[in-house]
Amino acid sequence: MPEETRAQEYTVAIAGRGGQGVVLAATLLARAAFKKGLYVAQLQSYGAEVRGGAVVAYVVLSKQPIENPYPENYDLVIALHEAGVARRRNEILSSKAIIADEDLVKPIPKDNVIRARIVKSGTPNMVALGIIAAFIPSITEELRKEISKLWNAEENLRSFDTGIRIGVELLGEHKKLRDIAESLTELVSS
């Protein structure tokens, strides 16, 4: 894909294991972004296991139709479990930024990795969505509406809010993350 086309697209991935709600989180992100007027492509990769297997789900966001929904890497990755990282290791490790759970993802000796307590902070997929919402505040209300439709909405919304707090804290500490957030916010608001 030509660089000028790719520059107008951003890809957010969530990597984990079956049972963490990774695909649901990506689906909710895609719905919220679509309702804000973006073109979206949401894809996932997982094994045959019902629970516990590796899962990676990602969303491509763009102001223009998406020609190729298969990126070579991601702009932002939320890594909830080592299994998901292992499934798409090359794409994930070459991503612009990885926010990795400090308990369930092995340390990755790369400059683009930031460790945070994600899974033990609440429902993992909702905490991940909250972190993403901190990067793209203009979709927060759409995400809240989508989460409110889910079973156990109150607990999910608490975890979502926890994720927002974690995301805001990380943005305050890391310029690399602020740069990505600025690009995502610009995409959604332009």
N, C-alpha and C. Protein backbone atom coordinates (compact mmCIF):
# COMPACT_ATOMS: atom_id res chain seq x y z
N MET A 1 0.84 -1.16 0.00
CA MET A 1 0.00 0.00 0.00
C MET A 1 0.89 1.24 0.00
N PRO A 2 0.61 2.22 -0.85
CA PRO A 2 1.43 3.42 -0.87
C PRO A 2 1.43 4.10 0.49
N GLU A 3 2.56 4.67 0.87
CA GLU A 3 2.71 5.29 2.19
C GLU A 3 1.71 6.41 2.42
N GLU A 4 1.39 7.22 1.38
CA GLU A 4 0.45 8.32 1.59
C GLU A 4 -0.94 7.80 1.92
N THR A 5 -1.35 6.66 1.36
CA THR A 5 -2.65 6.08 1.70
C THR A 5 -2.61 5.51 3.10
N ARG A 6 -1.58 4.78 3.43
CA ARG A 6 -1.45 4.16 4.75
C ARG A 6 -1.40 5.22 5.85
N ALA A 7 -0.82 6.39 5.55
CA ALA A 7 -0.69 7.43 6.56
C ALA A 7 -2.07 7.94 7.01
N GLN A 8 -3.10 7.76 6.21
CA GLN A 8 -4.44 8.21 6.56
C GLN A 8 -5.22 7.14 7.29
N GLU A 9 -4.62 6.00 7.55
CA GLU A 9 -5.24 4.90 8.27
C GLU A 9 -4.48 4.64 9.56
N TYR A 10 -5.23 4.20 10.57
CA TYR A 10 -4.62 3.83 11.84
C TYR A 10 -5.19 2.49 12.26
N THR A 11 -4.33 1.66 12.81
CA THR A 11 -4.75 0.33 13.20
C THR A 11 -4.50 0.13 14.69
N VAL A 12 -5.55 -0.30 15.37
CA VAL A 12 -5.49 -0.58 16.80
C VAL A 12 -5.76 -2.07 16.97
N ALA A 13 -4.87 -2.76 17.69
CA ALA A 13 -5.02 -4.20 17.90
C ALA A 13 -5.10 -4.52 19.38
N ILE A 14 -5.82 -5.59 19.67
CA ILE A 14 -5.87 -6.14 21.02
C ILE A 14 -5.45 -7.59 20.90
N ALA A 15 -4.44 -7.99 21.68
CA ALA A 15 -3.92 -9.36 21.64
C ALA A 15 -4.14 -10.00 23.01
N GLY A 16 -4.67 -11.19 23.01
CA GLY A 16 -4.92 -11.87 24.28
C GLY A 16 -5.14 -13.35 24.08
N ARG A 17 -6.02 -13.88 24.91
CA ARG A 17 -6.37 -15.29 24.77
C ARG A 17 -7.87 -15.43 24.86
N GLY A 18 -8.37 -16.54 24.33
CA GLY A 18 -9.81 -16.79 24.32
C GLY A 18 -10.40 -16.68 25.71
N GLY A 19 -11.54 -16.02 25.82
CA GLY A 19 -12.19 -15.82 27.09
C GLY A 19 -11.97 -14.44 27.66
N GLN A 20 -11.03 -13.68 27.11
CA GLN A 20 -10.78 -12.32 27.60
C GLN A 20 -11.66 -11.27 26.91
N GLY A 21 -12.44 -11.67 25.91
CA GLY A 21 -13.32 -10.73 25.24
C GLY A 21 -12.63 -9.84 24.21
N VAL A 22 -11.54 -10.33 23.67
CA VAL A 22 -10.75 -9.55 22.71
C VAL A 22 -11.56 -9.20 21.47
N VAL A 23 -12.26 -10.18 20.89
CA VAL A 23 -13.03 -9.93 19.67
C VAL A 23 -14.19 -8.98 19.96
N LEU A 24 -14.85 -9.16 21.09
CA LEU A 24 -15.93 -8.24 21.46
C LEU A 24 -15.41 -6.81 21.57
N ALA A 25 -14.29 -6.62 22.21
CA ALA A 25 -13.73 -5.27 22.37
C ALA A 25 -13.46 -4.64 21.01
N ALA A 26 -12.87 -5.39 20.10
CA ALA A 26 -12.58 -4.85 18.76
C ALA A 26 -13.87 -4.54 18.01
N THR A 27 -14.87 -5.38 18.18
CA THR A 27 -16.17 -5.14 17.54
C THR A 27 -16.81 -3.86 18.06
N LEU A 28 -16.76 -3.66 19.37
CA LEU A 28 -17.33 -2.43 19.94
C LEU A 28 -16.58 -1.19 19.48
N LEU A 29 -15.25 -1.29 19.40
CA LEU A 29 -14.45 -0.18 18.89
C LEU A 29 -14.83 0.13 17.44
N ALA A 30 -14.98 -0.89 16.62
CA ALA A 30 -15.35 -0.69 15.22
C ALA A 30 -16.72 -0.02 15.11
N ARG A 31 -17.68 -0.49 15.90
CA ARG A 31 -19.03 0.11 15.87
C ARG A 31 -18.99 1.59 16.26
N ALA A 32 -18.28 1.89 17.34
CA ALA A 32 -18.21 3.27 17.81
C ALA A 32 -17.55 4.18 16.78
N ALA A 33 -16.46 3.71 16.19
CA ALA A 33 -15.76 4.51 15.18
C ALA A 33 -16.62 4.71 13.94
N PHE A 34 -17.35 3.67 13.54
CA PHE A 34 -18.24 3.77 12.39
C PHE A 34 -19.33 4.81 12.66
N LYS A 35 -19.87 4.80 13.86
CA LYS A 35 -20.92 5.77 14.21
C LYS A 35 -20.39 7.20 14.26
N LYS A 36 -19.08 7.35 14.41
CA LYS A 36 -18.45 8.68 14.36
C LYS A 36 -18.07 9.07 12.93
N GLY A 37 -18.43 8.25 11.95
CA GLY A 37 -18.23 8.61 10.56
C GLY A 37 -16.98 8.06 9.90
N LEU A 38 -16.28 7.17 10.56
CA LEU A 38 -15.06 6.60 9.97
C LEU A 38 -15.37 5.33 9.17
N TYR A 39 -14.52 5.06 8.22
CA TYR A 39 -14.51 3.75 7.59
C TYR A 39 -13.77 2.83 8.53
N VAL A 40 -14.26 1.61 8.69
CA VAL A 40 -13.60 0.67 9.59
C VAL A 40 -13.53 -0.71 8.95
N ALA A 41 -12.51 -1.44 9.33
CA ALA A 41 -12.41 -2.87 9.01
C ALA A 41 -12.00 -3.53 10.31
N GLN A 42 -12.74 -4.55 10.74
CA GLN A 42 -12.42 -5.25 11.97
C GLN A 42 -12.19 -6.70 11.62
N LEU A 43 -11.01 -7.21 11.96
CA LEU A 43 -10.67 -8.60 11.69
C LEU A 43 -10.11 -9.23 12.94
N GLN A 44 -10.12 -10.56 12.97
CA GLN A 44 -9.55 -11.27 14.10
C GLN A 44 -8.89 -12.55 13.64
N SER A 45 -8.01 -13.02 14.48
CA SER A 45 -7.29 -14.26 14.22
C SER A 45 -7.27 -15.05 15.52
N TYR A 46 -7.73 -16.28 15.47
CA TYR A 46 -7.74 -17.11 16.67
C TYR A 46 -7.69 -18.58 16.29
N GLY A 47 -7.32 -19.38 17.26
CA GLY A 47 -7.22 -20.82 17.05
C GLY A 47 -8.57 -21.50 17.24
N ALA A 48 -8.55 -22.82 17.19
CA ALA A 48 -9.78 -23.61 17.29
C ALA A 48 -10.29 -23.73 18.73
N GLU A 49 -9.47 -23.40 19.71
CA GLU A 49 -9.88 -23.52 21.10
C GLU A 49 -11.02 -22.57 21.40
N VAL A 50 -11.94 -23.02 22.25
CA VAL A 50 -13.05 -22.16 22.64
C VAL A 50 -12.58 -21.12 23.66
N ARG A 51 -11.78 -21.55 24.62
CA ARG A 51 -11.23 -20.64 25.62
C ARG A 51 -9.76 -20.95 25.79
N GLY A 52 -8.98 -19.90 26.03
CA GLY A 52 -7.58 -20.11 26.35
C GLY A 52 -6.62 -20.04 25.19
N GLY A 53 -7.10 -20.13 23.96
CA GLY A 53 -6.21 -20.06 22.80
C GLY A 53 -5.85 -18.62 22.47
N ALA A 54 -4.87 -18.45 21.63
CA ALA A 54 -4.40 -17.12 21.23
C ALA A 54 -5.45 -16.40 20.39
N VAL A 55 -5.61 -15.10 20.65
CA VAL A 55 -6.55 -14.26 19.90
C VAL A 55 -5.91 -12.90 19.64
N VAL A 56 -6.03 -12.44 18.41
CA VAL A 56 -5.67 -11.07 18.07
C VAL A 56 -6.82 -10.51 17.24
N ALA A 57 -7.33 -9.37 17.65
CA ALA A 57 -8.38 -8.69 16.89
C ALA A 57 -7.92 -7.26 16.67
N TYR A 58 -8.19 -6.74 15.48
CA TYR A 58 -7.75 -5.37 15.22
C TYR A 58 -8.77 -4.62 14.38
N VAL A 59 -8.66 -3.30 14.48
CA VAL A 59 -9.56 -2.41 13.77
C VAL A 59 -8.72 -1.43 12.98
N VAL A 60 -9.01 -1.31 11.69
CA VAL A 60 -8.39 -0.31 10.84
C VAL A 60 -9.38 0.86 10.77
N LEU A 61 -8.90 2.05 11.04
CA LEU A 61 -9.72 3.26 11.05
C LEU A 61 -9.25 4.20 9.95
N SER A 62 -10.19 4.77 9.19
CA SER A 62 -9.80 5.65 8.10
C SER A 62 -10.92 6.63 7.77
N LYS A 63 -10.55 7.75 7.22
CA LYS A 63 -11.53 8.72 6.70
C LYS A 63 -11.94 8.35 5.28
N GLN A 64 -11.18 7.46 4.65
CA GLN A 64 -11.45 7.06 3.27
C GLN A 64 -11.66 5.55 3.22
N PRO A 65 -12.27 5.04 2.16
CA PRO A 65 -12.44 3.59 2.05
C PRO A 65 -11.11 2.86 2.25
N ILE A 66 -11.16 1.75 2.93
CA ILE A 66 -9.96 0.97 3.25
C ILE A 66 -9.71 -0.03 2.13
N GLU A 67 -8.57 0.12 1.48
CA GLU A 67 -8.24 -0.74 0.35
C GLU A 67 -7.66 -2.08 0.78
N ASN A 68 -6.86 -2.06 1.83
CA ASN A 68 -6.20 -3.28 2.28
C ASN A 68 -6.29 -3.37 3.80
N PRO A 69 -7.17 -4.25 4.32
CA PRO A 69 -7.33 -4.32 5.78
C PRO A 69 -6.32 -5.22 6.48
N TYR A 70 -5.22 -5.53 5.82
CA TYR A 70 -4.21 -6.42 6.40
C TYR A 70 -2.89 -5.68 6.58
N PRO A 71 -2.74 -4.96 7.68
CA PRO A 71 -1.51 -4.18 7.88
C PRO A 71 -0.31 -5.06 8.22
N GLU A 72 0.87 -4.55 7.96
CA GLU A 72 2.10 -5.26 8.31
C GLU A 72 2.43 -5.09 9.79
N ASN A 73 1.90 -4.03 10.39
CA ASN A 73 2.06 -3.80 11.82
C ASN A 73 0.89 -2.92 12.26
N TYR A 74 0.89 -2.57 13.52
CA TYR A 74 -0.21 -1.80 14.09
C TYR A 74 0.32 -0.49 14.65
N ASP A 75 -0.56 0.49 14.74
CA ASP A 75 -0.16 1.75 15.37
C ASP A 75 -0.14 1.60 16.89
N LEU A 76 -1.15 0.93 17.42
CA LEU A 76 -1.26 0.73 18.86
C LEU A 76 -1.72 -0.69 19.13
N VAL A 77 -1.04 -1.36 20.05
CA VAL A 77 -1.42 -2.71 20.47
C VAL A 77 -1.64 -2.70 21.98
N ILE A 78 -2.76 -3.27 22.39
CA ILE A 78 -2.99 -3.53 23.81
C ILE A 78 -2.81 -5.05 23.96
N ALA A 79 -1.77 -5.46 24.65
CA ALA A 79 -1.45 -6.90 24.80
C ALA A 79 -1.90 -7.36 26.18
N LEU A 80 -2.94 -8.21 26.19
CA LEU A 80 -3.51 -8.70 27.44
C LEU A 80 -2.91 -10.02 27.89
N HIS A 81 -2.32 -10.78 26.95
CA HIS A 81 -1.78 -12.09 27.30
C HIS A 81 -0.69 -12.47 26.29
N GLU A 82 0.30 -13.18 26.78
CA GLU A 82 1.42 -13.62 25.96
C GLU A 82 0.97 -14.45 24.75
N ALA A 83 -0.09 -15.24 24.92
CA ALA A 83 -0.56 -16.09 23.81
C ALA A 83 -0.91 -15.26 22.58
N GLY A 84 -1.57 -14.13 22.78
CA GLY A 84 -1.93 -13.27 21.65
C GLY A 84 -0.71 -12.64 21.00
N VAL A 85 0.25 -12.25 21.82
CA VAL A 85 1.50 -11.69 21.28
C VAL A 85 2.20 -12.73 20.43
N ALA A 86 2.26 -13.96 20.91
CA ALA A 86 2.95 -15.03 20.18
C ALA A 86 2.27 -15.32 18.84
N ARG A 87 0.95 -15.18 18.78
CA ARG A 87 0.22 -15.50 17.54
C ARG A 87 0.62 -14.57 16.38
N ARG A 88 0.84 -13.30 16.66
CA ARG A 88 1.19 -12.32 15.62
C ARG A 88 2.45 -11.57 16.00
N ARG A 89 3.43 -12.30 16.48
CA ARG A 89 4.65 -11.70 17.04
C ARG A 89 5.30 -10.67 16.12
N ASN A 90 5.52 -10.99 14.86
CA ASN A 90 6.21 -10.07 13.95
C ASN A 90 5.45 -8.76 13.78
N GLU A 91 4.13 -8.84 13.53
CA GLU A 91 3.34 -7.62 13.35
C GLU A 91 3.30 -6.80 14.64
N ILE A 92 3.15 -7.50 15.77
CA ILE A 92 3.05 -6.79 17.05
C ILE A 92 4.37 -6.13 17.42
N LEU A 93 5.46 -6.86 17.32
CA LEU A 93 6.75 -6.29 17.72
C LEU A 93 7.20 -5.14 16.83
N SER A 94 6.71 -5.08 15.60
CA SER A 94 7.09 -3.97 14.71
C SER A 94 6.09 -2.81 14.78
N SER A 95 5.16 -2.87 15.71
CA SER A 95 4.15 -1.83 15.87
C SER A 95 4.75 -0.56 16.48
N LYS A 96 4.05 0.54 16.32
CA LYS A 96 4.54 1.82 16.85
C LYS A 96 4.58 1.82 18.37
N ALA A 97 3.53 1.28 19.00
CA ALA A 97 3.49 1.25 20.47
C ALA A 97 2.72 0.03 20.94
N ILE A 98 3.24 -0.59 21.99
CA ILE A 98 2.61 -1.76 22.60
C ILE A 98 2.43 -1.45 24.08
N ILE A 99 1.21 -1.55 24.54
CA ILE A 99 0.94 -1.45 25.97
C ILE A 99 0.66 -2.89 26.42
N ALA A 100 1.60 -3.44 27.18
CA ALA A 100 1.55 -4.86 27.53
C ALA A 100 1.22 -5.05 29.00
N ASP A 101 0.33 -6.00 29.29
CA ASP A 101 0.01 -6.31 30.67
C ASP A 101 1.27 -6.77 31.39
N GLU A 102 1.52 -6.19 32.56
CA GLU A 102 2.76 -6.47 33.27
C GLU A 102 2.80 -7.86 33.91
N ASP A 103 1.65 -8.51 34.04
CA ASP A 103 1.62 -9.83 34.66
C ASP A 103 1.55 -10.97 33.64
N LEU A 104 0.82 -10.78 32.53
CA LEU A 104 0.55 -11.89 31.62
C LEU A 104 1.29 -11.83 30.28
N VAL A 105 2.09 -10.80 30.10
CA VAL A 105 2.91 -10.71 28.88
C VAL A 105 4.37 -10.66 29.32
N LYS A 106 5.15 -11.57 28.76
CA LYS A 106 6.58 -11.60 29.10
C LYS A 106 7.23 -10.27 28.72
N PRO A 107 8.22 -9.84 29.49
CA PRO A 107 8.92 -8.60 29.12
C PRO A 107 9.47 -8.67 27.69
N ILE A 108 9.27 -7.60 26.96
CA ILE A 108 9.74 -7.50 25.58
C ILE A 108 10.78 -6.39 25.55
N PRO A 109 12.03 -6.73 25.26
CA PRO A 109 13.10 -5.71 25.30
C PRO A 109 13.12 -4.82 24.05
N LYS A 110 12.10 -3.99 23.92
CA LYS A 110 12.03 -3.07 22.78
C LYS A 110 11.59 -1.71 23.30
N ASP A 111 12.01 -0.65 22.60
CA ASP A 111 11.67 0.71 23.02
C ASP A 111 10.18 1.04 22.87
N ASN A 112 9.47 0.28 22.05
CA ASN A 112 8.07 0.61 21.79
C ASN A 112 7.10 -0.07 22.77
N VAL A 113 7.62 -0.70 23.83
CA VAL A 113 6.78 -1.44 24.77
C VAL A 113 6.67 -0.69 26.09
N ILE A 114 5.44 -0.54 26.54
CA ILE A 114 5.15 0.08 27.83
C ILE A 114 4.34 -0.94 28.63
N ARG A 115 4.79 -1.21 29.84
CA ARG A 115 4.11 -2.21 30.67
C ARG A 115 3.12 -1.51 31.60
N ALA A 116 1.96 -2.14 31.79
CA ALA A 116 0.93 -1.57 32.66
C ALA A 116 0.11 -2.71 33.26
N ARG A 117 -0.52 -2.44 34.38
CA ARG A 117 -1.41 -3.42 35.00
C ARG A 117 -2.77 -3.26 34.32
N ILE A 118 -3.14 -4.23 33.50
CA ILE A 118 -4.39 -4.16 32.74
C ILE A 118 -5.37 -5.21 33.24
N VAL A 119 -4.99 -6.47 33.14
CA VAL A 119 -5.90 -7.58 33.41
C VAL A 119 -6.41 -7.57 34.85
N LYS A 120 -5.55 -7.29 35.81
CA LYS A 120 -5.97 -7.30 37.21
C LYS A 120 -6.70 -6.02 37.61
N SER A 121 -6.87 -5.09 36.67
CA SER A 121 -7.54 -3.83 36.96
C SER A 121 -9.05 -3.89 36.75
N GLY A 122 -9.54 -4.97 36.16
CA GLY A 122 -10.98 -5.11 35.88
C GLY A 122 -11.19 -6.10 34.77
N THR A 123 -12.36 -6.05 34.14
CA THR A 123 -12.65 -6.92 33.02
C THR A 123 -11.68 -6.56 31.89
N PRO A 124 -10.80 -7.50 31.49
CA PRO A 124 -9.69 -7.15 30.59
C PRO A 124 -10.07 -6.42 29.31
N ASN A 125 -11.11 -6.90 28.61
CA ASN A 125 -11.45 -6.26 27.34
C ASN A 125 -11.98 -4.85 27.54
N MET A 126 -12.69 -4.62 28.63
CA MET A 126 -13.23 -3.29 28.88
C MET A 126 -12.14 -2.33 29.35
N VAL A 127 -11.18 -2.82 30.11
CA VAL A 127 -10.03 -1.99 30.49
C VAL A 127 -9.27 -1.60 29.23
N ALA A 128 -9.07 -2.56 28.33
CA ALA A 128 -8.38 -2.27 27.06
C ALA A 128 -9.14 -1.21 26.26
N LEU A 129 -10.46 -1.34 26.18
CA LEU A 129 -11.26 -0.33 25.46
C LEU A 129 -11.14 1.04 26.11
N GLY A 130 -11.09 1.07 27.43
CA GLY A 130 -10.92 2.34 28.13
C GLY A 130 -9.58 2.98 27.79
N ILE A 131 -8.53 2.18 27.75
CA ILE A 131 -7.21 2.71 27.37
C ILE A 131 -7.28 3.30 25.97
N ILE A 132 -7.92 2.58 25.06
CA ILE A 132 -8.06 3.07 23.69
C ILE A 132 -8.87 4.36 23.66
N ALA A 133 -9.94 4.42 24.46
CA ALA A 133 -10.77 5.63 24.53
C ALA A 133 -9.96 6.83 25.01
N ALA A 134 -8.98 6.61 25.88
CA ALA A 134 -8.12 7.71 26.31
C ALA A 134 -7.33 8.28 25.14
N PHE A 135 -7.04 7.43 24.15
CA PHE A 135 -6.32 7.86 22.96
C PHE A 135 -7.23 8.57 21.97
N ILE A 136 -8.53 8.25 21.99
CA ILE A 136 -9.49 8.81 21.05
C ILE A 136 -10.72 9.27 21.84
N PRO A 137 -10.59 10.35 22.61
CA PRO A 137 -11.69 10.75 23.49
C PRO A 137 -13.03 10.98 22.79
N SER A 138 -13.00 11.37 21.53
CA SER A 138 -14.25 11.69 20.84
C SER A 138 -15.13 10.48 20.59
N ILE A 139 -14.62 9.26 20.78
CA ILE A 139 -15.48 8.08 20.62
C ILE A 139 -15.92 7.50 21.96
N THR A 140 -15.53 8.14 23.07
CA THR A 140 -15.83 7.62 24.40
C THR A 140 -17.33 7.42 24.62
N GLU A 141 -18.13 8.41 24.27
CA GLU A 141 -19.57 8.29 24.51
C GLU A 141 -20.19 7.19 23.65
N GLU A 142 -19.73 7.05 22.40
CA GLU A 142 -20.25 5.95 21.57
C GLU A 142 -19.87 4.60 22.17
N LEU A 143 -18.64 4.50 22.69
CA LEU A 143 -18.23 3.25 23.34
C LEU A 143 -19.09 2.99 24.58
N ARG A 144 -19.36 4.02 25.37
CA ARG A 144 -20.22 3.86 26.55
C ARG A 144 -21.60 3.33 26.15
N LYS A 145 -22.17 3.87 25.08
CA LYS A 145 -23.48 3.41 24.61
C LYS A 145 -23.43 1.93 24.23
N GLU A 146 -22.37 1.55 23.52
CA GLU A 146 -22.23 0.14 23.11
C GLU A 146 -22.06 -0.77 24.33
N ILE A 147 -21.24 -0.36 25.28
CA ILE A 147 -21.01 -1.16 26.48
C ILE A 147 -22.28 -1.26 27.32
N SER A 148 -23.08 -0.21 27.34
CA SER A 148 -24.32 -0.20 28.12
C SER A 148 -25.32 -1.25 27.63
N LYS A 149 -25.19 -1.68 26.40
CA LYS A 149 -26.10 -2.70 25.84
C LYS A 149 -25.70 -4.12 26.25
N LEU A 150 -24.53 -4.26 26.84
CA LEU A 150 -24.01 -5.59 27.17
C LEU A 150 -24.57 -6.11 28.49
N TRP A 151 -24.54 -7.42 28.62
CA TRP A 151 -24.83 -8.04 29.91
C TRP A 151 -23.79 -7.54 30.90
N ASN A 152 -24.17 -7.33 32.13
CA ASN A 152 -23.26 -6.88 33.18
C ASN A 152 -22.66 -5.50 32.85
N ALA A 153 -23.51 -4.63 32.32
CA ALA A 153 -23.05 -3.32 31.85
C ALA A 153 -22.39 -2.50 32.95
N GLU A 154 -22.92 -2.55 34.16
CA GLU A 154 -22.37 -1.72 35.24
C GLU A 154 -20.91 -2.08 35.53
N GLU A 155 -20.63 -3.36 35.65
CA GLU A 155 -19.25 -3.79 35.89
C GLU A 155 -18.36 -3.46 34.69
N ASN A 156 -18.88 -3.68 33.50
CA ASN A 156 -18.11 -3.37 32.30
C ASN A 156 -17.79 -1.88 32.21
N LEU A 157 -18.73 -1.03 32.55
CA LEU A 157 -18.49 0.41 32.52
C LEU A 157 -17.47 0.83 33.57
N ARG A 158 -17.50 0.19 34.74
CA ARG A 158 -16.47 0.48 35.75
C ARG A 158 -15.09 0.12 35.22
N SER A 159 -14.97 -1.04 34.58
CA SER A 159 -13.68 -1.45 34.01
C SER A 159 -13.25 -0.51 32.89
N PHE A 160 -14.21 -0.08 32.07
CA PHE A 160 -13.95 0.88 31.00
C PHE A 160 -13.38 2.18 31.58
N ASP A 161 -14.02 2.69 32.63
CA ASP A 161 -13.54 3.92 33.27
C ASP A 161 -12.14 3.73 33.87
N THR A 162 -11.89 2.55 34.44
CA THR A 162 -10.55 2.25 34.95
C THR A 162 -9.54 2.30 33.82
N GLY A 163 -9.89 1.74 32.67
CA GLY A 163 -9.01 1.78 31.51
C GLY A 163 -8.73 3.19 31.04
N ILE A 164 -9.75 4.04 31.07
CA ILE A 164 -9.53 5.44 30.69
C ILE A 164 -8.50 6.07 31.63
N ARG A 165 -8.65 5.84 32.93
CA ARG A 165 -7.68 6.40 33.89
C ARG A 165 -6.27 5.89 33.62
N ILE A 166 -6.14 4.59 33.34
CA ILE A 166 -4.82 4.02 33.02
C ILE A 166 -4.27 4.68 31.75
N GLY A 167 -5.12 4.79 30.73
CA GLY A 167 -4.70 5.39 29.47
C GLY A 167 -4.25 6.83 29.63
N VAL A 168 -5.00 7.62 30.39
CA VAL A 168 -4.63 9.02 30.63
C VAL A 168 -3.29 9.10 31.36
N GLU A 169 -3.11 8.23 32.34
CA GLU A 169 -1.83 8.20 33.06
C GLU A 169 -0.68 7.86 32.12
N LEU A 170 -0.87 6.85 31.28
CA LEU A 170 0.18 6.46 30.33
C LEU A 170 0.47 7.58 29.33
N LEU A 171 -0.57 8.25 28.87
CA LEU A 171 -0.38 9.37 27.94
C LEU A 171 0.43 10.48 28.59
N GLY A 172 0.21 10.70 29.87
CA GLY A 172 0.96 11.73 30.58
C GLY A 172 2.43 11.39 30.75
N GLU A 173 2.73 10.09 30.75
CA GLU A 173 4.10 9.64 31.00
C GLU A 173 4.93 9.38 29.74
N HIS A 174 4.28 9.21 28.58
CA HIS A 174 5.01 8.76 27.39
C HIS A 174 4.67 9.59 26.15
N LYS A 175 5.63 10.36 25.67
CA LYS A 175 5.42 11.20 24.49
C LYS A 175 5.04 10.37 23.26
N LYS A 176 5.65 9.20 23.11
CA LYS A 176 5.35 8.33 21.97
C LYS A 176 3.85 8.03 21.91
N LEU A 177 3.25 7.78 23.07
CA LEU A 177 1.81 7.51 23.12
C LEU A 177 1.01 8.76 22.81
N ARG A 178 1.46 9.91 23.30
CA ARG A 178 0.76 11.16 23.02
C ARG A 178 0.74 11.44 21.52
N ASP A 179 1.83 11.14 20.83
CA ASP A 179 1.88 11.35 19.38
C ASP A 179 0.85 10.48 18.66
N ILE A 180 0.72 9.24 19.07
CA ILE A 180 -0.27 8.33 18.46
C ILE A 180 -1.68 8.84 18.78
N ALA A 181 -1.92 9.22 20.03
CA ALA A 181 -3.23 9.73 20.43
C ALA A 181 -3.61 10.97 19.63
N GLU A 182 -2.63 11.84 19.41
CA GLU A 182 -2.88 13.06 18.63
C GLU A 182 -3.30 12.71 17.20
N SER A 183 -2.63 11.75 16.60
CA SER A 183 -2.98 11.34 15.23
C SER A 183 -4.37 10.70 15.18
N LEU A 184 -4.68 9.86 16.15
CA LEU A 184 -6.00 9.21 16.18
C LEU A 184 -7.10 10.24 16.41
N THR A 185 -6.87 11.17 17.32
CA THR A 185 -7.86 12.21 17.60
C THR A 185 -8.09 13.07 16.36
N GLU A 186 -7.02 13.40 15.67
CA GLU A 186 -7.12 14.19 14.45
C GLU A 186 -7.93 13.43 13.38
N LEU A 187 -7.69 12.15 13.26
CA LEU A 187 -8.42 11.34 12.28
C LEU A 187 -9.93 11.38 12.55
N VAL A 188 -10.31 11.20 13.79
CA VAL A 188 -11.72 11.14 14.14
C VAL A 188 -12.39 12.50 14.04
N SER A 189 -11.66 13.56 14.40
CA SER A 189 -12.28 14.88 14.43
C SER A 189 -12.20 15.64 13.11
N SER A 190 -11.37 15.20 12.19
CA SER A 190 -11.24 15.96 10.93
C SER A 190 -12.39 15.73 9.98
